[in-house]
Amino acid sequence: MKLFIVYLIVINIVGFVVFGKDKSAARKHRWRIPEHILMFIAAFGGVLGCLAGMYLFRHKTLHVKFRIGLPLILICWIALILFILLR
């Protein structure tokens, strides 16, 4: 369980940093991180970091895929964690 918590902390930091890096790259007209990678990080546990990065950096906030998709991923993670804790 401790390893799982450490994993979630690390993947959320990664999600936050990746959103910040992609926003920086967008401003400088440089190579961007593909959207499927951003969603992959969120889906594999980094959704809170991705949401924080999305709103703090104001990045991808106009994209329906992210405005709807990230909260849906968060709901799935909450359900999964509740299932694990309450079984």
PDB file of N, CA and C in Angstrom:
ATOM      1  N   MET A   1       0.820  -1.190   0.000  1.00  0.00           N
ATOM      2  CA  MET A   1       0.000   0.000   0.000  1.00  0.00           C
ATOM      3  C   MET A   1       0.866   1.256   0.000  1.00  0.00           C
ATOM      4  N   LYS A   2       1.953   1.237   0.755  1.00  0.00           N
ATOM      5  CA  LYS A   2       2.845   2.397   0.793  1.00  0.00           C
ATOM      6  C   LYS A   2       3.465   2.648  -0.575  1.00  0.00           C
ATOM      7  N   LEU A   3       3.816   1.592  -1.261  1.00  0.00           N
ATOM      8  CA  LEU A   3       4.399   1.722  -2.595  1.00  0.00           C
ATOM      9  C   LEU A   3       3.388   2.333  -3.565  1.00  0.00           C
ATOM     10  N   PHE A   4       2.128   1.959  -3.425  1.00  0.00           N
ATOM     11  CA  PHE A   4       1.063   2.515  -4.261  1.00  0.00           C
ATOM     12  C   PHE A   4       0.912   4.016  -4.011  1.00  0.00           C
ATOM     13  N   ILE A   5       0.978   4.428  -2.758  1.00  0.00           N
ATOM     14  CA  ILE A   5       0.875   5.852  -2.418  1.00  0.00           C
ATOM     15  C   ILE A   5       2.067   6.622  -2.981  1.00  0.00           C
ATOM     16  N   VAL A   6       3.257   6.058  -2.863  1.00  0.00           N
ATOM     17  CA  VAL A   6       4.447   6.704  -3.431  1.00  0.00           C
ATOM     18  C   VAL A   6       4.299   6.817  -4.944  1.00  0.00           C
ATOM     19  N   TYR A   7       3.801   5.761  -5.580  1.00  0.00           N
ATOM     20  CA  TYR A   7       3.568   5.789  -7.027  1.00  0.00           C
ATOM     21  C   TYR A   7       2.624   6.930  -7.396  1.00  0.00           C
ATOM     22  N   LEU A   8       1.505   7.047  -6.672  1.00  0.00           N
ATOM     23  CA  LEU A   8       0.541   8.096  -6.982  1.00  0.00           C
ATOM     24  C   LEU A   8       1.137   9.490  -6.795  1.00  0.00           C
ATOM     25  N   ILE A   9       1.936   9.674  -5.777  1.00  0.00           N
ATOM     26  CA  ILE A   9       2.586  10.964  -5.554  1.00  0.00           C
ATOM     27  C   ILE A   9       3.511  11.288  -6.719  1.00  0.00           C
ATOM     28  N   VAL A  10       4.334  10.326  -7.106  1.00  0.00           N
ATOM     29  CA  VAL A  10       5.299  10.548  -8.187  1.00  0.00           C
ATOM     30  C   VAL A  10       4.587  10.805  -9.515  1.00  0.00           C
ATOM     31  N   ILE A  11       3.596  10.008  -9.865  1.00  0.00           N
ATOM     32  CA  ILE A  11       2.920  10.168 -11.156  1.00  0.00           C
ATOM     33  C   ILE A  11       2.150  11.484 -11.211  1.00  0.00           C
ATOM     34  N   ASN A  12       1.647  11.958 -10.087  1.00  0.00           N
ATOM     35  CA  ASN A  12       0.964  13.249 -10.071  1.00  0.00           C
ATOM     36  C   ASN A  12       1.942  14.407 -10.218  1.00  0.00           C
ATOM     37  N   ILE A  13       3.105  14.286  -9.637  1.00  0.00           N
ATOM     38  CA  ILE A  13       4.143  15.300  -9.855  1.00  0.00           C
ATOM     39  C   ILE A  13       4.537  15.315 -11.322  1.00  0.00           C
ATOM     40  N   VAL A  14       4.693  14.141 -11.903  1.00  0.00           N
ATOM     41  CA  VAL A  14       5.025  14.033 -13.328  1.00  0.00           C
ATOM     42  C   VAL A  14       3.934  14.698 -14.170  1.00  0.00           C
ATOM     43  N   GLY A  15       2.680  14.417 -13.874  1.00  0.00           N
ATOM     44  CA  GLY A  15       1.571  15.015 -14.618  1.00  0.00           C
ATOM     45  C   GLY A  15       1.588  16.531 -14.541  1.00  0.00           C
ATOM     46  N   PHE A  16       1.817  17.068 -13.365  1.00  0.00           N
ATOM     47  CA  PHE A  16       1.873  18.510 -13.173  1.00  0.00           C
ATOM     48  C   PHE A  16       3.018  19.126 -13.970  1.00  0.00           C
ATOM     49  N   VAL A  17       4.188  18.526 -13.861  1.00  0.00           N
ATOM     50  CA  VAL A  17       5.379  19.040 -14.556  1.00  0.00           C
ATOM     51  C   VAL A  17       5.201  18.958 -16.070  1.00  0.00           C
ATOM     52  N   VAL A  18       4.639  17.871 -16.553  1.00  0.00           N
ATOM     53  CA  VAL A  18       4.457  17.687 -17.991  1.00  0.00           C
ATOM     54  C   VAL A  18       3.509  18.748 -18.558  1.00  0.00           C
ATOM     55  N   PHE A  19       2.446  19.056 -17.838  1.00  0.00           N
ATOM     56  CA  PHE A  19       1.551  20.113 -18.305  1.00  0.00           C
ATOM     57  C   PHE A  19       2.267  21.458 -18.331  1.00  0.00           C
ATOM     58  N   GLY A  20       3.099  21.714 -17.330  1.00  0.00           N
ATOM     59  CA  GLY A  20       3.874  22.950 -17.320  1.00  0.00           C
ATOM     60  C   GLY A  20       4.868  23.022 -18.462  1.00  0.00           C
ATOM     61  N   LYS A  21       5.544  21.917 -18.726  1.00  0.00           N
ATOM     62  CA  LYS A  21       6.518  21.875 -19.836  1.00  0.00           C
ATOM     63  C   LYS A  21       5.824  22.063 -21.179  1.00  0.00           C
ATOM     64  N   ASP A  22       4.662  21.435 -21.351  1.00  0.00           N
ATOM     65  CA  ASP A  22       3.952  21.554 -22.614  1.00  0.00           C
ATOM     66  C   ASP A  22       3.452  22.982 -22.824  1.00  0.00           C
ATOM     67  N   LYS A  23       2.994  23.627 -21.772  1.00  0.00           N
ATOM     68  CA  LYS A  23       2.564  25.021 -21.888  1.00  0.00           C
ATOM     69  C   LYS A  23       3.742  25.912 -22.259  1.00  0.00           C
ATOM     70  N   SER A  24       4.881  25.673 -21.637  1.00  0.00           N
ATOM     71  CA  SER A  24       6.084  26.441 -21.952  1.00  0.00           C
ATOM     72  C   SER A  24       6.490  26.237 -23.410  1.00  0.00           C
ATOM     73  N   ALA A  25       6.444  25.002 -23.865  1.00  0.00           N
ATOM     74  CA  ALA A  25       6.789  24.699 -25.261  1.00  0.00           C
ATOM     75  C   ALA A  25       5.802  25.363 -26.214  1.00  0.00           C
ATOM     76  N   ALA A  26       4.536  25.409 -25.837  1.00  0.00           N
ATOM     77  CA  ALA A  26       3.515  26.038 -26.689  1.00  0.00           C
ATOM     78  C   ALA A  26       3.802  27.530 -26.847  1.00  0.00           C
ATOM     79  N   ARG A  27       4.179  28.161 -25.768  1.00  0.00           N
ATOM     80  CA  ARG A  27       4.487  29.598 -25.817  1.00  0.00           C
ATOM     81  C   ARG A  27       5.698  29.897 -26.697  1.00  0.00           C
ATOM     82  N   LYS A  28       6.649  28.971 -26.707  1.00  0.00           N
ATOM     83  CA  LYS A  28       7.898  29.176 -27.457  1.00  0.00           C
ATOM     84  C   LYS A  28       7.850  28.575 -28.857  1.00  0.00           C
ATOM     85  N   HIS A  29       6.682  28.034 -29.242  1.00  0.00           N
ATOM     86  CA  HIS A  29       6.506  27.403 -30.557  1.00  0.00           C
ATOM     87  C   HIS A  29       7.526  26.292 -30.790  1.00  0.00           C
ATOM     88  N   ARG A  30       7.700  25.472 -29.785  1.00  0.00           N
ATOM     89  CA  ARG A  30       8.626  24.336 -29.861  1.00  0.00           C
ATOM     90  C   ARG A  30       7.842  23.032 -29.904  1.00  0.00           C
ATOM     91  N   TRP A  31       8.598  21.922 -29.946  1.00  0.00           N
ATOM     92  CA  TRP A  31       7.998  20.593 -29.979  1.00  0.00           C
ATOM     93  C   TRP A  31       7.092  20.421 -28.768  1.00  0.00           C
ATOM     94  N   ARG A  32       5.904  19.864 -29.006  1.00  0.00           N
ATOM     95  CA  ARG A  32       4.894  19.705 -27.969  1.00  0.00           C
ATOM     96  C   ARG A  32       4.770  18.246 -27.566  1.00  0.00           C
ATOM     97  N   ILE A  33       4.301  18.058 -26.371  1.00  0.00           N
ATOM     98  CA  ILE A  33       4.007  16.716 -25.884  1.00  0.00           C
ATOM     99  C   ILE A  33       2.646  16.316 -26.463  1.00  0.00           C
ATOM    100  N   PRO A  34       2.564  15.178 -27.126  1.00  0.00           N
ATOM    101  CA  PRO A  34       1.287  14.761 -27.723  1.00  0.00           C
ATOM    102  C   PRO A  34       0.173  14.635 -26.679  1.00  0.00           C
ATOM    103  N   GLU A  35      -1.042  14.974 -27.095  1.00  0.00           N
ATOM    104  CA  GLU A  35      -2.181  14.928 -26.181  1.00  0.00           C
ATOM    105  C   GLU A  35      -2.419  13.538 -25.623  1.00  0.00           C
ATOM    106  N   HIS A  36      -2.156  12.505 -26.420  1.00  0.00           N
ATOM    107  CA  HIS A  36      -2.391  11.153 -25.905  1.00  0.00           C
ATOM    108  C   HIS A  36      -1.431  10.814 -24.760  1.00  0.00           C
ATOM    109  N   ILE A  37      -0.259  11.406 -24.750  1.00  0.00           N
ATOM    110  CA  ILE A  37       0.684  11.194 -23.635  1.00  0.00           C
ATOM    111  C   ILE A  37       0.154  11.873 -22.374  1.00  0.00           C
ATOM    112  N   LEU A  38      -0.377  13.084 -22.528  1.00  0.00           N
ATOM    113  CA  LEU A  38      -0.952  13.788 -21.380  1.00  0.00           C
ATOM    114  C   LEU A  38      -2.112  12.981 -20.783  1.00  0.00           C
ATOM    115  N   MET A  39      -2.959  12.448 -21.646  1.00  0.00           N
ATOM    116  CA  MET A  39      -4.084  11.643 -21.174  1.00  0.00           C
ATOM    117  C   MET A  39      -3.612  10.321 -20.565  1.00  0.00           C
ATOM    118  N   PHE A  40      -2.573   9.737 -21.130  1.00  0.00           N
ATOM    119  CA  PHE A  40      -2.005   8.492 -20.614  1.00  0.00           C
ATOM    120  C   PHE A  40      -1.524   8.688 -19.173  1.00  0.00           C
ATOM    121  N   ILE A  41      -0.808   9.785 -18.943  1.00  0.00           N
ATOM    122  CA  ILE A  41      -0.306  10.074 -17.588  1.00  0.00           C
ATOM    123  C   ILE A  41      -1.473  10.225 -16.621  1.00  0.00           C
ATOM    124  N   ALA A  42      -2.512  10.935 -17.056  1.00  0.00           N
ATOM    125  CA  ALA A  42      -3.692  11.104 -16.206  1.00  0.00           C
ATOM    126  C   ALA A  42      -4.357   9.765 -15.922  1.00  0.00           C
ATOM    127  N   ALA A  43      -4.536   8.958 -16.947  1.00  0.00           N
ATOM    128  CA  ALA A  43      -5.225   7.675 -16.796  1.00  0.00           C
ATOM    129  C   ALA A  43      -4.477   6.707 -15.895  1.00  0.00           C
ATOM    130  N   PHE A  44      -3.166   6.825 -15.859  1.00  0.00           N
ATOM    131  CA  PHE A  44      -2.382   5.907 -15.038  1.00  0.00           C
ATOM    132  C   PHE A  44      -2.063   6.466 -13.661  1.00  0.00           C
ATOM    133  N   GLY A  45      -2.910   7.385 -13.196  1.00  0.00           N
ATOM    134  CA  GLY A  45      -2.816   7.824 -11.806  1.00  0.00           C
ATOM    135  C   GLY A  45      -2.434   9.271 -11.599  1.00  0.00           C
ATOM    136  N   GLY A  46      -2.020   9.969 -12.638  1.00  0.00           N
ATOM    137  CA  GLY A  46      -1.569  11.342 -12.477  1.00  0.00           C
ATOM    138  C   GLY A  46      -2.630  12.389 -12.713  1.00  0.00           C
ATOM    139  N   VAL A  47      -3.882  12.006 -12.563  1.00  0.00           N
ATOM    140  CA  VAL A  47      -4.981  12.905 -12.924  1.00  0.00           C
ATOM    141  C   VAL A  47      -5.031  14.152 -12.045  1.00  0.00           C
ATOM    142  N   LEU A  48      -4.755  14.053 -10.770  1.00  0.00           N
ATOM    143  CA  LEU A  48      -4.784  15.252  -9.921  1.00  0.00           C
ATOM    144  C   LEU A  48      -3.692  16.233 -10.309  1.00  0.00           C
ATOM    145  N   GLY A  49      -2.511  15.718 -10.580  1.00  0.00           N
ATOM    146  CA  GLY A  49      -1.418  16.585 -11.028  1.00  0.00           C
ATOM    147  C   GLY A  49      -1.719  17.213 -12.374  1.00  0.00           C
ATOM    148  N   CYS A  50      -2.321  16.442 -13.261  1.00  0.00           N
ATOM    149  CA  CYS A  50      -2.688  16.960 -14.582  1.00  0.00           C
ATOM    150  C   CYS A  50      -3.759  18.040 -14.465  1.00  0.00           C
ATOM    151  N   LEU A  51      -4.764  17.809 -13.633  1.00  0.00           N
ATOM    152  CA  LEU A  51      -5.798  18.819 -13.434  1.00  0.00           C
ATOM    153  C   LEU A  51      -5.215  20.086 -12.821  1.00  0.00           C
ATOM    154  N   ALA A  52      -4.359  19.926 -11.831  1.00  0.00           N
ATOM    155  CA  ALA A  52      -3.730  21.094 -11.209  1.00  0.00           C
ATOM    156  C   ALA A  52      -2.902  21.861 -12.234  1.00  0.00           C
ATOM    157  N   GLY A  53      -2.112  21.134 -13.036  1.00  0.00           N
ATOM    158  CA  GLY A  53      -1.314  21.772 -14.072  1.00  0.00           C
ATOM    159  C   GLY A  53      -2.168  22.426 -15.136  1.00  0.00           C
ATOM    160  N   MET A  54      -3.255  21.766 -15.504  1.00  0.00           N
ATOM    161  CA  MET A  54      -4.134  22.298 -16.534  1.00  0.00           C
ATOM    162  C   MET A  54      -4.694  23.655 -16.108  1.00  0.00           C
ATOM    163  N   TYR A  55      -5.160  23.756 -14.873  1.00  0.00           N
ATOM    164  CA  TYR A  55      -5.774  25.005 -14.436  1.00  0.00           C
ATOM    165  C   TYR A  55      -4.746  26.034 -13.961  1.00  0.00           C
ATOM    166  N   LEU A  56      -3.671  25.598 -13.336  1.00  0.00           N
ATOM    167  CA  LEU A  56      -2.654  26.553 -12.883  1.00  0.00           C
ATOM    168  C   LEU A  56      -1.949  27.208 -14.068  1.00  0.00           C
ATOM    169  N   PHE A  57      -1.600  26.402 -15.069  1.00  0.00           N
ATOM    170  CA  PHE A  57      -0.904  26.930 -16.246  1.00  0.00           C
ATOM    171  C   PHE A  57      -1.874  27.399 -17.331  1.00  0.00           C
ATOM    172  N   ARG A  58      -3.174  27.222 -17.097  1.00  0.00           N
ATOM    173  CA  ARG A  58      -4.219  27.544 -18.087  1.00  0.00           C
ATOM    174  C   ARG A  58      -3.889  26.901 -19.429  1.00  0.00           C
ATOM    175  N   HIS A  59      -3.694  25.603 -19.357  1.00  0.00           N
ATOM    176  CA  HIS A  59      -3.263  24.842 -20.533  1.00  0.00           C
ATOM    177  C   HIS A  59      -4.275  23.742 -20.827  1.00  0.00           C
ATOM    178  N   LYS A  60      -4.754  23.701 -22.044  1.00  0.00           N
ATOM    179  CA  LYS A  60      -5.731  22.710 -22.519  1.00  0.00           C
ATOM    180  C   LYS A  60      -7.112  22.923 -21.904  1.00  0.00           C
ATOM    181  N   THR A  61      -7.357  24.072 -21.299  1.00  0.00           N
ATOM    182  CA  THR A  61      -8.640  24.312 -20.642  1.00  0.00           C
ATOM    183  C   THR A  61      -9.782  24.508 -21.633  1.00  0.00           C
ATOM    184  N   LEU A  62      -9.482  24.828 -22.876  1.00  0.00           N
ATOM    185  CA  LEU A  62     -10.520  24.995 -23.884  1.00  0.00           C
ATOM    186  C   LEU A  62     -10.805  23.713 -24.659  1.00  0.00           C
ATOM    187  N   HIS A  63     -10.006  22.692 -24.436  1.00  0.00           N
ATOM    188  CA  HIS A  63     -10.170  21.413 -25.128  1.00  0.00           C
ATOM    189  C   HIS A  63     -11.193  20.561 -24.374  1.00  0.00           C
ATOM    190  N   VAL A  64     -12.292  20.216 -25.043  1.00  0.00           N
ATOM    191  CA  VAL A  64     -13.341  19.411 -24.422  1.00  0.00           C
ATOM    192  C   VAL A  64     -12.780  18.074 -23.939  1.00  0.00           C
ATOM    193  N   LYS A  65     -11.858  17.522 -24.713  1.00  0.00           N
ATOM    194  CA  LYS A  65     -11.246  16.237 -24.342  1.00  0.00           C
ATOM    195  C   LYS A  65     -10.649  16.302 -22.934  1.00  0.00           C
ATOM    196  N   PHE A  66     -10.065  17.433 -22.587  1.00  0.00           N
ATOM    197  CA  PHE A  66      -9.434  17.580 -21.280  1.00  0.00           C
ATOM    198  C   PHE A  66     -10.414  18.083 -20.221  1.00  0.00           C
ATOM    199  N   ARG A  67     -11.298  19.003 -20.593  1.00  0.00           N
ATOM    200  CA  ARG A  67     -12.270  19.543 -19.630  1.00  0.00           C
ATOM    201  C   ARG A  67     -13.231  18.470 -19.154  1.00  0.00           C
ATOM    202  N   ILE A  68     -13.581  17.528 -20.026  1.00  0.00           N
ATOM    203  CA  ILE A  68     -14.496  16.444 -19.665  1.00  0.00           C
ATOM    204  C   ILE A  68     -13.724  15.184 -19.286  1.00  0.00           C
ATOM    205  N   GLY A  69     -12.695  14.884 -20.059  1.00  0.00           N
ATOM    206  CA  GLY A  69     -11.952  13.637 -19.869  1.00  0.00           C
ATOM    207  C   GLY A  69     -11.229  13.529 -18.539  1.00  0.00           C
ATOM    208  N   LEU A  70     -10.550  14.591 -18.130  1.00  0.00           N
ATOM    209  CA  LEU A  70      -9.806  14.507 -16.870  1.00  0.00           C
ATOM    210  C   LEU A  70     -10.726  14.339 -15.662  1.00  0.00           C
ATOM    211  N   PRO A  71     -11.834  15.093 -15.558  1.00  0.00           N
ATOM    212  CA  PRO A  71     -12.741  14.813 -14.435  1.00  0.00           C
ATOM    213  C   PRO A  71     -13.323  13.397 -14.461  1.00  0.00           C
ATOM    214  N   LEU A  72     -13.588  12.862 -15.652  1.00  0.00           N
ATOM    215  CA  LEU A  72     -14.085  11.481 -15.735  1.00  0.00           C
ATOM    216  C   LEU A  72     -13.028  10.488 -15.261  1.00  0.00           C
ATOM    217  N   ILE A  73     -11.785  10.735 -15.634  1.00  0.00           N
ATOM    218  CA  ILE A  73     -10.695   9.869 -15.160  1.00  0.00           C
ATOM    219  C   ILE A  73     -10.584   9.963 -13.640  1.00  0.00           C
ATOM    220  N   LEU A  74     -10.726  11.173 -13.106  1.00  0.00           N
ATOM    221  CA  LEU A  74     -10.669  11.357 -11.652  1.00  0.00           C
ATOM    222  C   LEU A  74     -11.780  10.570 -10.960  1.00  0.00           C
ATOM    223  N   ILE A  75     -12.982  10.607 -11.506  1.00  0.00           N
ATOM    224  CA  ILE A  75     -14.097   9.848 -10.931  1.00  0.00           C
ATOM    225  C   ILE A  75     -13.780   8.349 -10.933  1.00  0.00           C
ATOM    226  N   CYS A  76     -13.193   7.868 -12.016  1.00  0.00           N
ATOM    227  CA  CYS A  76     -12.814   6.446 -12.087  1.00  0.00           C
ATOM    228  C   CYS A  76     -11.774   6.103 -11.024  1.00  0.00           C
ATOM    229  N   TRP A  77     -10.796   6.978 -10.823  1.00  0.00           N
ATOM    230  CA  TRP A  77      -9.767   6.729  -9.810  1.00  0.00           C
ATOM    231  C   TRP A  77     -10.359   6.757  -8.405  1.00  0.00           C
ATOM    232  N   ILE A  78     -11.268   7.685  -8.150  1.00  0.00           N
ATOM    233  CA  ILE A  78     -11.916   7.734  -6.838  1.00  0.00           C
ATOM    234  C   ILE A  78     -12.698   6.438  -6.600  1.00  0.00           C
ATOM    235  N   ALA A  79     -13.428   5.991  -7.615  1.00  0.00           N
ATOM    236  CA  ALA A  79     -14.180   4.743  -7.493  1.00  0.00           C
ATOM    237  C   ALA A  79     -13.251   3.559  -7.248  1.00  0.00           C
ATOM    238  N   LEU A  80     -12.147   3.506  -7.960  1.00  0.00           N
ATOM    239  CA  LEU A  80     -11.181   2.419  -7.785  1.00  0.00           C
ATOM    240  C   LEU A  80     -10.600   2.409  -6.365  1.00  0.00           C
ATOM    241  N   ILE A  81     -10.208   3.572  -5.891  1.00  0.00           N
ATOM    242  CA  ILE A  81      -9.620   3.654  -4.556  1.00  0.00           C
ATOM    243  C   ILE A  81     -10.653   3.296  -3.489  1.00  0.00           C
ATOM    244  N   LEU A  82     -11.882   3.772  -3.650  1.00  0.00           N
ATOM    245  CA  LEU A  82     -12.939   3.392  -2.703  1.00  0.00           C
ATOM    246  C   LEU A  82     -13.192   1.896  -2.738  1.00  0.00           C
ATOM    247  N   PHE A  83     -13.196   1.297  -3.908  1.00  0.00           N
ATOM    248  CA  PHE A  83     -13.388  -0.138  -4.041  1.00  0.00           C
ATOM    249  C   PHE A  83     -12.282  -0.899  -3.293  1.00  0.00           C
ATOM    250  N   ILE A  84     -11.041  -0.443  -3.466  1.00  0.00           N
ATOM    251  CA  ILE A  84      -9.912  -1.106  -2.802  1.00  0.00           C
ATOM    252  C   ILE A  84     -10.009  -0.948  -1.294  1.00  0.00           C
ATOM    253  N   LEU A  85     -10.350   0.248  -0.838  1.00  0.00           N
ATOM    254  CA  LEU A  85     -10.394   0.501   0.602  1.00  0.00           C
ATOM    255  C   LEU A  85     -11.571  -0.143   1.310  1.00  0.00           C
ATOM    256  N   LEU A  86     -12.688  -0.292   0.605  1.00  0.00           N
ATOM    257  CA  LEU A  86     -13.903  -0.789   1.245  1.00  0.00           C
ATOM    258  C   LEU A  86     -14.185  -2.272   1.034  1.00  0.00           C
ATOM    259  N   ARG A  87     -13.293  -2.965   0.377  1.00  0.00           N
ATOM    260  CA  ARG A  87     -13.556  -4.390   0.137  1.00  0.00           C
ATOM    261  C   ARG A  87     -13.185  -5.239   1.317  1.00  0.00           C
TER     262      ARG A  87
END
